[in-house]
């Protein structure tokens, strides 16, 4: 059976509290047990206004120990003080949105942190037109039946009454006619799940917090097959066993 294994962690929030020991558990699990095809951190890697560059370097020193290919997504707190260029330089990446193909799966990493800063916590959720144009061009080059999974800091489709991305409907319209099977986000620390039109939308529970008693060390081990999306939760992260709809 063909499958893709993904290790995912959301809202690490390094600083003001030190979350490194919890991220080390994730790294050890990935390297020694789960052995994924890739890992992704879903934004808010840091959570402090004080010495953000130092805290980003400290937490990234742990994350880079993952043996699998590593990917980064920008969250609002990552950009509360730092610029995109500063974040990218410290962690050593040249993108804020991109896509990859892993076996049968098309994987898209979105940068959704482009909205106005209205709550003193960095930018709110918005996908700019330039990124939407890129997304349309990216999708055109793949078969319409190819399964797609999307990762974004702001959850997609989970909170339909009050979307975390202000142009969520515009974003989802781009995927019409393509085989989007699941989205994964963070930002809302207690997580959540909602199916919309056969798409499984999952918001992961945060790993870290700025209060000691709310740090759970949570993360997800995701296994995607042509028939199912399986999410094995650690810490406070729920597990999900989800059947993929037939694509017509």
Protein backbone atom coordinates (compact mmCIF):
# COMPACT_ATOMS: atom_id res chain seq x y z
CA UNK A 1 0.00 0.00 0.00
CA UNK A 2 1.31 3.42 -0.96
CA UNK A 3 1.27 6.06 1.74
CA UNK A 4 2.82 9.38 2.74
CA UNK A 5 3.89 9.99 6.34
CA UNK A 6 3.99 13.55 7.69
CA UNK A 7 5.09 14.87 11.06
CA UNK A 8 3.34 18.14 11.97
CA UNK A 9 3.64 20.52 14.89
CA UNK A 10 1.75 23.79 15.37
CA UNK A 11 2.16 26.84 17.59
CA UNK A 12 5.40 25.92 19.33
CA UNK A 13 5.53 29.46 20.79
CA UNK A 14 9.17 29.48 21.84
CA UNK A 15 9.58 32.42 24.23
CA UNK A 16 8.90 33.74 26.73
CA UNK A 17 8.78 30.15 27.99
CA UNK A 18 11.33 27.58 26.78
CA UNK A 19 9.57 24.89 24.71
CA UNK A 20 12.70 23.14 23.46
CA UNK A 21 12.34 20.01 25.59
CA UNK A 22 8.87 19.37 24.14
CA UNK A 23 10.08 19.88 20.58
CA UNK A 24 12.94 17.46 21.28
CA UNK A 25 10.34 14.77 22.01
CA UNK A 26 8.80 15.44 18.59
CA UNK A 27 12.20 15.26 16.87
CA UNK A 28 13.14 12.01 18.61
CA UNK A 29 9.80 10.43 17.68
CA UNK A 30 10.23 11.50 14.06
CA UNK A 31 13.81 10.22 13.83
CA UNK A 32 13.53 7.00 15.79
CA UNK A 33 9.94 5.80 15.44
CA UNK A 34 7.67 7.51 12.90
CA UNK A 35 10.27 8.28 10.21
CA UNK A 36 8.10 10.56 8.05
CA UNK A 37 8.55 11.59 4.45
CA UNK A 38 8.74 15.18 5.69
CA UNK A 39 8.00 17.33 8.74
CA UNK A 40 6.33 20.74 8.90
CA UNK A 41 5.96 23.37 11.59
CA UNK A 42 2.72 25.25 11.10
CA UNK A 43 3.66 28.71 12.27
CA UNK A 44 4.00 30.67 15.49
CA UNK A 45 7.34 28.96 15.92
CA UNK A 46 8.13 31.81 18.29
CA UNK A 47 5.78 33.62 20.65
CA UNK A 48 7.71 36.50 22.14
CA UNK A 49 8.34 40.16 21.43
CA UNK A 50 11.60 40.06 23.39
CA UNK A 51 14.73 38.81 21.60
CA UNK A 52 12.76 37.08 18.80
CA UNK A 53 15.86 36.39 16.70
CA UNK A 54 17.57 34.66 19.61
CA UNK A 55 14.50 32.58 20.44
CA UNK A 56 14.03 31.59 16.79
CA UNK A 57 17.62 30.42 16.58
CA UNK A 58 17.26 28.43 19.83
CA UNK A 59 14.14 26.57 18.78
CA UNK A 60 15.34 26.02 15.22
CA UNK A 61 18.50 24.35 16.54
CA UNK A 62 16.18 21.62 17.82
CA UNK A 63 13.98 21.40 14.74
CA UNK A 64 16.90 21.05 12.33
CA UNK A 65 17.82 17.80 14.07
CA UNK A 66 14.90 16.15 12.23
CA UNK A 67 16.36 13.80 9.65
CA UNK A 68 13.38 14.15 7.32
CA UNK A 69 13.03 17.15 4.99
CA UNK A 70 11.80 20.14 7.03
CA UNK A 71 9.33 22.82 6.03
CA UNK A 72 8.28 26.06 7.67
CA UNK A 73 5.06 28.06 7.61
CA UNK A 74 4.83 31.62 8.86
CA UNK A 75 2.41 32.53 11.62
CA UNK A 76 1.30 35.85 13.00
CA UNK A 77 3.60 35.77 16.03
CA UNK A 78 6.58 34.95 13.82
CA UNK A 79 5.95 38.29 12.13
CA UNK A 80 4.98 40.34 15.15
CA UNK A 81 8.52 41.77 15.36
CA UNK A 82 10.54 39.98 12.66
CA UNK A 83 10.17 40.58 8.94
CA UNK A 84 9.70 37.71 6.52
CA UNK A 85 13.24 38.17 5.27
CA UNK A 86 14.64 38.02 8.81
CA UNK A 87 12.71 34.83 9.57
CA UNK A 88 13.76 33.21 6.30
CA UNK A 89 17.41 34.07 6.82
CA UNK A 90 17.54 32.64 10.33
CA UNK A 91 15.92 29.30 9.47
CA UNK A 92 17.58 29.07 6.05
CA UNK A 93 14.67 29.01 3.60
CA UNK A 94 13.97 30.92 0.39
CA UNK A 95 10.15 30.72 0.34
CA UNK A 96 7.08 31.60 2.33
CA UNK A 97 4.74 29.60 0.09
CA UNK A 98 5.60 26.60 -2.06
CA UNK A 99 4.48 23.14 -3.17
CA UNK A 100 6.11 19.72 -3.33
CA UNK A 101 5.16 16.32 -4.70
CA UNK A 102 5.63 13.32 -2.44
CA UNK A 103 4.79 10.02 -4.12
CA UNK A 104 1.11 10.32 -5.21
CA UNK A 105 0.44 13.42 -3.10
CA UNK A 106 0.65 17.12 -3.98
CA UNK A 107 1.48 19.16 -0.89
CA UNK A 108 0.97 22.92 -0.67
CA UNK A 109 2.40 25.20 2.02
CA UNK A 110 0.58 28.53 2.19
CA UNK A 111 1.58 31.83 3.75
CA UNK A 112 -1.66 33.16 5.18
CA UNK A 113 -0.27 35.85 7.49
CA UNK A 114 -0.91 38.91 5.33
CA UNK A 115 -3.88 40.54 7.02
CA UNK A 116 -3.83 43.74 9.08
CA UNK A 117 -2.44 43.69 12.61
CA UNK A 118 -5.56 44.42 14.63
CA UNK A 119 -4.85 42.61 17.88
CA UNK A 120 -1.16 43.38 18.58
CA UNK A 121 -0.31 39.79 17.79
CA UNK A 122 1.07 40.22 14.30
CA UNK A 123 -0.81 39.99 10.99
CA UNK A 124 -4.24 38.41 10.74
CA UNK A 125 -5.24 35.85 8.13
CA UNK A 126 -5.32 36.80 4.46
CA UNK A 127 -4.06 35.26 1.20
CA UNK A 128 -2.78 38.01 -1.15
CA UNK A 129 -3.61 38.07 -4.84
CA UNK A 130 -0.01 37.29 -5.79
CA UNK A 131 -0.16 34.07 -3.80
CA UNK A 132 -3.56 33.14 -5.22
CA UNK A 133 -2.20 33.66 -8.74
CA UNK A 134 0.76 31.42 -7.91
CA UNK A 135 -1.62 28.79 -6.51
CA UNK A 136 -3.70 28.76 -9.68
CA UNK A 137 -0.57 28.31 -11.78
CA UNK A 138 0.66 25.57 -9.48
CA UNK A 139 -2.57 23.61 -9.72
CA UNK A 140 -2.77 23.85 -13.50
CA UNK A 141 0.38 21.78 -13.83
CA UNK A 142 -0.96 18.74 -11.94
CA UNK A 143 -3.68 16.25 -12.94
CA UNK A 144 -7.06 17.29 -11.55
CA UNK A 145 -7.40 13.88 -9.88
CA UNK A 146 -4.10 14.13 -7.97
CA UNK A 147 -4.75 14.21 -4.19
CA UNK A 148 -3.85 17.53 -2.56
CA UNK A 149 -3.10 18.38 1.07
CA UNK A 150 -2.69 21.99 2.21
CA UNK A 151 -0.83 23.35 5.24
CA UNK A 152 -1.38 26.89 6.48
CA UNK A 153 -0.96 28.58 9.87
CA UNK A 154 -4.55 29.80 9.81
CA UNK A 155 -7.04 26.92 9.70
CA UNK A 156 -9.09 26.62 6.54
CA UNK A 157 -12.73 25.55 6.62
CA UNK A 158 -12.83 24.78 10.34
CA UNK A 159 -14.39 28.01 11.58
CA UNK A 160 -16.82 28.76 8.76
CA UNK A 161 -18.90 31.26 10.75
CA UNK A 162 -15.88 33.41 11.61
CA UNK A 163 -13.08 32.34 9.20
CA UNK A 164 -9.50 32.83 10.34
CA UNK A 165 -8.61 33.84 6.76
CA UNK A 166 -10.70 36.80 5.66
CA UNK A 167 -10.80 35.67 2.02
CA UNK A 168 -11.22 31.97 2.74
CA UNK A 169 -14.02 31.58 0.18
CA UNK A 170 -11.80 33.08 -2.51
CA UNK A 171 -9.04 30.65 -1.57
CA UNK A 172 -11.33 27.61 -1.65
CA UNK A 173 -12.72 28.70 -5.02
CA UNK A 174 -9.24 28.19 -6.52
CA UNK A 175 -9.41 24.51 -5.56
CA UNK A 176 -12.73 23.91 -7.30
CA UNK A 177 -12.31 21.09 -9.79
CA UNK A 178 -9.21 19.72 -8.05
CA UNK A 179 -8.87 16.83 -5.61
CA UNK A 180 -8.30 18.69 -2.33
CA UNK A 181 -8.64 16.01 0.35
CA UNK A 182 -7.45 17.74 3.54
CA UNK A 183 -6.19 20.97 5.05
CA UNK A 184 -4.14 21.38 8.22
CA UNK A 185 -3.78 24.55 10.25
CA UNK A 186 -2.97 25.87 13.70
CA UNK A 187 -3.46 29.27 15.36
CA UNK A 188 -6.54 28.22 17.39
CA UNK A 189 -4.67 26.51 20.21
CA UNK A 190 -7.35 24.01 21.20
CA UNK A 191 -7.67 22.75 17.65
CA UNK A 192 -10.73 21.47 15.84
CA UNK A 193 -12.12 19.56 12.87
CA UNK A 194 -14.77 20.17 10.25
CA UNK A 195 -15.64 18.48 6.98
CA UNK A 196 -16.80 20.78 4.21
CA UNK A 197 -17.86 19.35 0.85
CA UNK A 198 -15.87 16.18 1.49
CA UNK A 199 -12.69 18.05 2.46
CA UNK A 200 -11.26 17.17 5.87
CA UNK A 201 -10.20 20.38 7.62
CA UNK A 202 -8.08 19.89 10.73
CA UNK A 203 -6.77 22.49 13.14
CA UNK A 204 -3.95 21.08 15.25
CA UNK A 205 -3.65 21.63 18.99
CA UNK A 206 -0.75 23.86 20.01
CA UNK A 207 2.47 22.36 21.31
CA UNK A 208 3.44 25.38 23.39
CA UNK A 209 1.83 28.30 25.18
CA UNK A 210 2.84 31.32 27.23
CA UNK A 211 1.47 29.73 30.41
CA UNK A 212 3.19 26.68 31.91
CA UNK A 213 -0.01 24.81 32.76
CA UNK A 214 -1.26 25.02 29.17
CA UNK A 215 1.83 23.55 27.49
CA UNK A 216 0.85 20.09 26.20
CA UNK A 217 3.72 19.13 23.89
CA UNK A 218 1.10 18.21 21.27
CA UNK A 219 1.87 17.18 17.70
CA UNK A 220 0.46 14.96 14.96
CA UNK A 221 1.68 11.97 13.01
CA UNK A 222 -0.23 11.97 9.74
CA UNK A 223 -0.52 9.06 7.33
CA UNK A 224 -2.20 9.66 3.97
CA UNK A 225 -3.22 6.85 1.65
CA UNK A 226 -5.36 6.97 -1.48
CA UNK A 227 -8.36 6.00 0.65
CA UNK A 228 -7.80 7.55 4.10
CA UNK A 229 -6.24 10.34 6.13
CA UNK A 230 -5.09 9.04 9.50
CA UNK A 231 -4.02 11.50 12.20
CA UNK A 232 -2.34 10.00 15.26
CA UNK A 233 -2.30 12.62 17.98
CA UNK A 234 0.25 13.05 20.74
CA UNK A 235 -0.27 15.14 23.86
CA UNK A 236 -3.66 16.87 23.68
CA UNK A 237 -3.96 16.38 19.92
CA UNK A 238 -6.99 14.21 19.03
CA UNK A 239 -6.62 11.36 16.57
CA UNK A 240 -8.75 11.21 13.44
CA UNK A 241 -9.44 8.34 11.05
CA UNK A 242 -10.99 9.87 7.95
CA UNK A 243 -12.18 8.32 4.72
CA UNK A 244 -11.38 10.16 1.50
CA UNK A 245 -14.30 10.81 -0.84
CA UNK A 246 -14.20 9.44 -4.38
CA UNK A 247 -13.11 12.12 -6.81
CA UNK A 248 -15.20 12.45 -9.93
